[in-house]
Amino acid sequence: MPKMKTHRGAAKRFKITGSGKVMKNNSYKRHILEKKSAKRKRQLRHAVVTSEADAKRVKRLLPYL
């Protein structure tokens, strides 16, 4: 069977941790930032773990990561 291709769009957006969890960057940080509090914008900087349902779908797109 041939090798599976990695979904390049997903590879740029998600990272797999050593324990197998899927990390993603937060949304809502691109524009209309004036009305968002400094605390909210600061907390959006950090990556978060995706939900189990989404992680399963992402792992299918990233077979070798």
N, C-alpha and C. Protein backbone atom coordinates (compact mmCIF):
# COMPACT_ATOMS: atom_id res chain seq x y z
N MET A 1 0.85 -1.19 0.00
CA MET A 1 0.00 0.00 0.00
C MET A 1 0.89 1.24 0.00
N PRO A 2 0.52 2.27 -0.77
CA PRO A 2 1.37 3.48 -0.80
C PRO A 2 1.26 4.27 0.51
N LYS A 3 2.24 5.13 0.69
CA LYS A 3 2.21 6.00 1.87
C LYS A 3 1.01 6.94 1.80
N MET A 4 0.50 7.28 2.98
CA MET A 4 -0.57 8.28 3.05
C MET A 4 0.04 9.67 3.01
N LYS A 5 -0.66 10.60 2.42
CA LYS A 5 -0.17 11.98 2.39
C LYS A 5 -0.67 12.73 3.62
N THR A 6 0.20 13.56 4.16
CA THR A 6 -0.17 14.44 5.27
C THR A 6 -0.98 15.60 4.71
N HIS A 7 -2.06 15.95 5.39
CA HIS A 7 -2.87 17.11 4.99
C HIS A 7 -2.11 18.37 5.40
N ARG A 8 -1.53 19.07 4.43
CA ARG A 8 -0.62 20.17 4.72
C ARG A 8 -1.32 21.32 5.46
N GLY A 9 -2.59 21.57 5.18
CA GLY A 9 -3.31 22.63 5.88
C GLY A 9 -3.44 22.32 7.35
N ALA A 10 -3.72 21.06 7.67
CA ALA A 10 -3.85 20.65 9.07
C ALA A 10 -2.48 20.65 9.76
N ALA A 11 -1.44 20.27 9.03
CA ALA A 11 -0.09 20.22 9.60
C ALA A 11 0.37 21.61 10.05
N LYS A 12 -0.08 22.63 9.35
CA LYS A 12 0.31 24.00 9.70
C LYS A 12 -0.49 24.54 10.88
N ARG A 13 -1.64 23.95 11.16
CA ARG A 13 -2.53 24.48 12.20
C ARG A 13 -2.49 23.72 13.52
N PHE A 14 -2.08 22.46 13.48
CA PHE A 14 -2.12 21.62 14.68
C PHE A 14 -0.76 21.01 14.97
N LYS A 15 -0.50 20.77 16.27
CA LYS A 15 0.71 20.10 16.70
C LYS A 15 0.29 18.94 17.61
N ILE A 16 0.98 17.81 17.48
CA ILE A 16 0.71 16.66 18.33
C ILE A 16 1.75 16.66 19.46
N THR A 17 1.29 16.55 20.70
CA THR A 17 2.20 16.53 21.85
C THR A 17 2.81 15.15 21.99
N GLY A 18 3.78 15.02 22.87
CA GLY A 18 4.43 13.74 23.11
C GLY A 18 3.46 12.68 23.59
N SER A 19 2.45 13.09 24.35
CA SER A 19 1.47 12.13 24.88
C SER A 19 0.33 11.86 23.90
N GLY A 20 0.38 12.52 22.72
CA GLY A 20 -0.62 12.23 21.69
C GLY A 20 -1.80 13.19 21.66
N LYS A 21 -1.79 14.22 22.50
CA LYS A 21 -2.87 15.21 22.46
C LYS A 21 -2.64 16.16 21.30
N VAL A 22 -3.72 16.78 20.83
CA VAL A 22 -3.62 17.70 19.69
C VAL A 22 -3.77 19.13 20.20
N MET A 23 -2.77 19.97 19.89
CA MET A 23 -2.80 21.38 20.30
C MET A 23 -3.20 22.25 19.13
N LYS A 24 -3.93 23.33 19.43
CA LYS A 24 -4.31 24.29 18.40
C LYS A 24 -4.18 25.70 18.96
N ASN A 25 -4.03 26.66 18.07
CA ASN A 25 -4.01 28.05 18.50
C ASN A 25 -5.44 28.56 18.60
N ASN A 26 -5.64 29.53 19.47
CA ASN A 26 -6.98 30.09 19.66
C ASN A 26 -7.39 30.97 18.50
N SER A 27 -8.69 31.06 18.28
CA SER A 27 -9.24 31.97 17.28
C SER A 27 -9.62 33.28 17.98
N TYR A 28 -10.23 34.19 17.26
CA TYR A 28 -10.69 35.51 17.76
C TYR A 28 -9.54 36.44 18.10
N LYS A 29 -8.42 36.34 17.40
CA LYS A 29 -7.28 37.20 17.70
C LYS A 29 -6.83 37.99 16.46
N ARG A 30 -7.64 38.04 15.40
CA ARG A 30 -7.22 38.63 14.14
C ARG A 30 -7.61 40.10 13.97
N HIS A 31 -8.83 40.43 14.30
CA HIS A 31 -9.29 41.80 14.10
C HIS A 31 -10.38 42.13 15.12
N ILE A 32 -10.82 43.38 15.11
CA ILE A 32 -11.78 43.89 16.10
C ILE A 32 -11.22 43.65 17.51
N LEU A 33 -9.97 44.06 17.71
CA LEU A 33 -9.31 43.81 18.99
C LEU A 33 -9.53 44.93 19.99
N GLU A 34 -10.02 46.08 19.53
CA GLU A 34 -10.16 47.24 20.40
C GLU A 34 -11.15 46.99 21.52
N LYS A 35 -12.23 46.29 21.22
CA LYS A 35 -13.28 46.08 22.23
C LYS A 35 -12.99 44.88 23.13
N LYS A 36 -11.99 44.07 22.80
CA LYS A 36 -11.64 42.92 23.63
C LYS A 36 -10.67 43.37 24.72
N SER A 37 -10.86 42.86 25.92
CA SER A 37 -10.03 43.28 27.05
C SER A 37 -8.60 42.76 26.89
N ALA A 38 -7.67 43.42 27.56
CA ALA A 38 -6.27 43.01 27.51
C ALA A 38 -6.12 41.60 28.06
N LYS A 39 -6.87 41.27 29.10
CA LYS A 39 -6.81 39.94 29.70
C LYS A 39 -7.24 38.88 28.69
N ARG A 40 -8.33 39.16 27.98
CA ARG A 40 -8.85 38.20 27.00
C ARG A 40 -7.86 37.99 25.86
N LYS A 41 -7.26 39.08 25.37
CA LYS A 41 -6.29 38.97 24.28
C LYS A 41 -5.03 38.24 24.73
N ARG A 42 -4.62 38.47 25.96
CA ARG A 42 -3.44 37.81 26.51
C ARG A 42 -3.68 36.30 26.62
N GLN A 43 -4.87 35.92 27.06
CA GLN A 43 -5.18 34.50 27.22
C GLN A 43 -5.31 33.79 25.87
N LEU A 44 -5.65 34.55 24.82
CA LEU A 44 -5.79 33.95 23.49
C LEU A 44 -4.44 33.65 22.84
N ARG A 45 -3.35 34.16 23.41
CA ARG A 45 -2.02 33.90 22.84
C ARG A 45 -1.61 32.44 22.97
N HIS A 46 -2.06 31.78 24.02
CA HIS A 46 -1.58 30.45 24.33
C HIS A 46 -2.36 29.38 23.58
N ALA A 47 -1.66 28.33 23.19
CA ALA A 47 -2.30 27.20 22.51
C ALA A 47 -3.12 26.40 23.53
N VAL A 48 -4.12 25.71 23.04
CA VAL A 48 -4.99 24.89 23.89
C VAL A 48 -5.14 23.49 23.29
N VAL A 49 -5.57 22.55 24.11
CA VAL A 49 -5.81 21.19 23.66
C VAL A 49 -7.17 21.14 22.98
N THR A 50 -7.25 20.48 21.83
CA THR A 50 -8.54 20.35 21.12
C THR A 50 -9.43 19.34 21.83
N SER A 51 -10.71 19.37 21.53
CA SER A 51 -11.64 18.41 22.10
C SER A 51 -11.32 17.01 21.56
N GLU A 52 -11.76 15.99 22.25
CA GLU A 52 -11.48 14.61 21.84
C GLU A 52 -12.07 14.32 20.46
N ALA A 53 -13.26 14.83 20.19
CA ALA A 53 -13.92 14.59 18.90
C ALA A 53 -13.10 15.21 17.76
N ASP A 54 -12.63 16.44 17.95
CA ASP A 54 -11.84 17.10 16.92
C ASP A 54 -10.47 16.45 16.79
N ALA A 55 -9.89 16.03 17.91
CA ALA A 55 -8.56 15.42 17.90
C ALA A 55 -8.56 14.16 17.04
N LYS A 56 -9.62 13.40 17.12
CA LYS A 56 -9.72 12.17 16.33
C LYS A 56 -9.71 12.48 14.83
N ARG A 57 -10.42 13.54 14.44
CA ARG A 57 -10.47 13.95 13.03
C ARG A 57 -9.13 14.49 12.56
N VAL A 58 -8.46 15.24 13.42
CA VAL A 58 -7.17 15.83 13.06
C VAL A 58 -6.12 14.74 12.90
N LYS A 59 -6.12 13.76 13.79
CA LYS A 59 -5.13 12.69 13.73
C LYS A 59 -5.25 11.89 12.44
N ARG A 60 -6.44 11.81 11.89
CA ARG A 60 -6.63 11.12 10.61
C ARG A 60 -5.96 11.90 9.48
N LEU A 61 -5.90 13.23 9.61
CA LEU A 61 -5.27 14.06 8.58
C LEU A 61 -3.75 14.09 8.72
N LEU A 62 -3.25 13.74 9.91
CA LEU A 62 -1.80 13.79 10.18
C LEU A 62 -1.30 12.40 10.54
N PRO A 63 -1.17 11.51 9.55
CA PRO A 63 -0.85 10.12 9.86
C PRO A 63 0.54 9.90 10.45
N TYR A 64 1.50 10.77 10.15
CA TYR A 64 2.88 10.50 10.57
C TYR A 64 3.41 11.48 11.60
N LEU A 65 2.55 12.35 12.14
CA LEU A 65 3.00 13.33 13.13
C LEU A 65 2.68 12.87 14.53
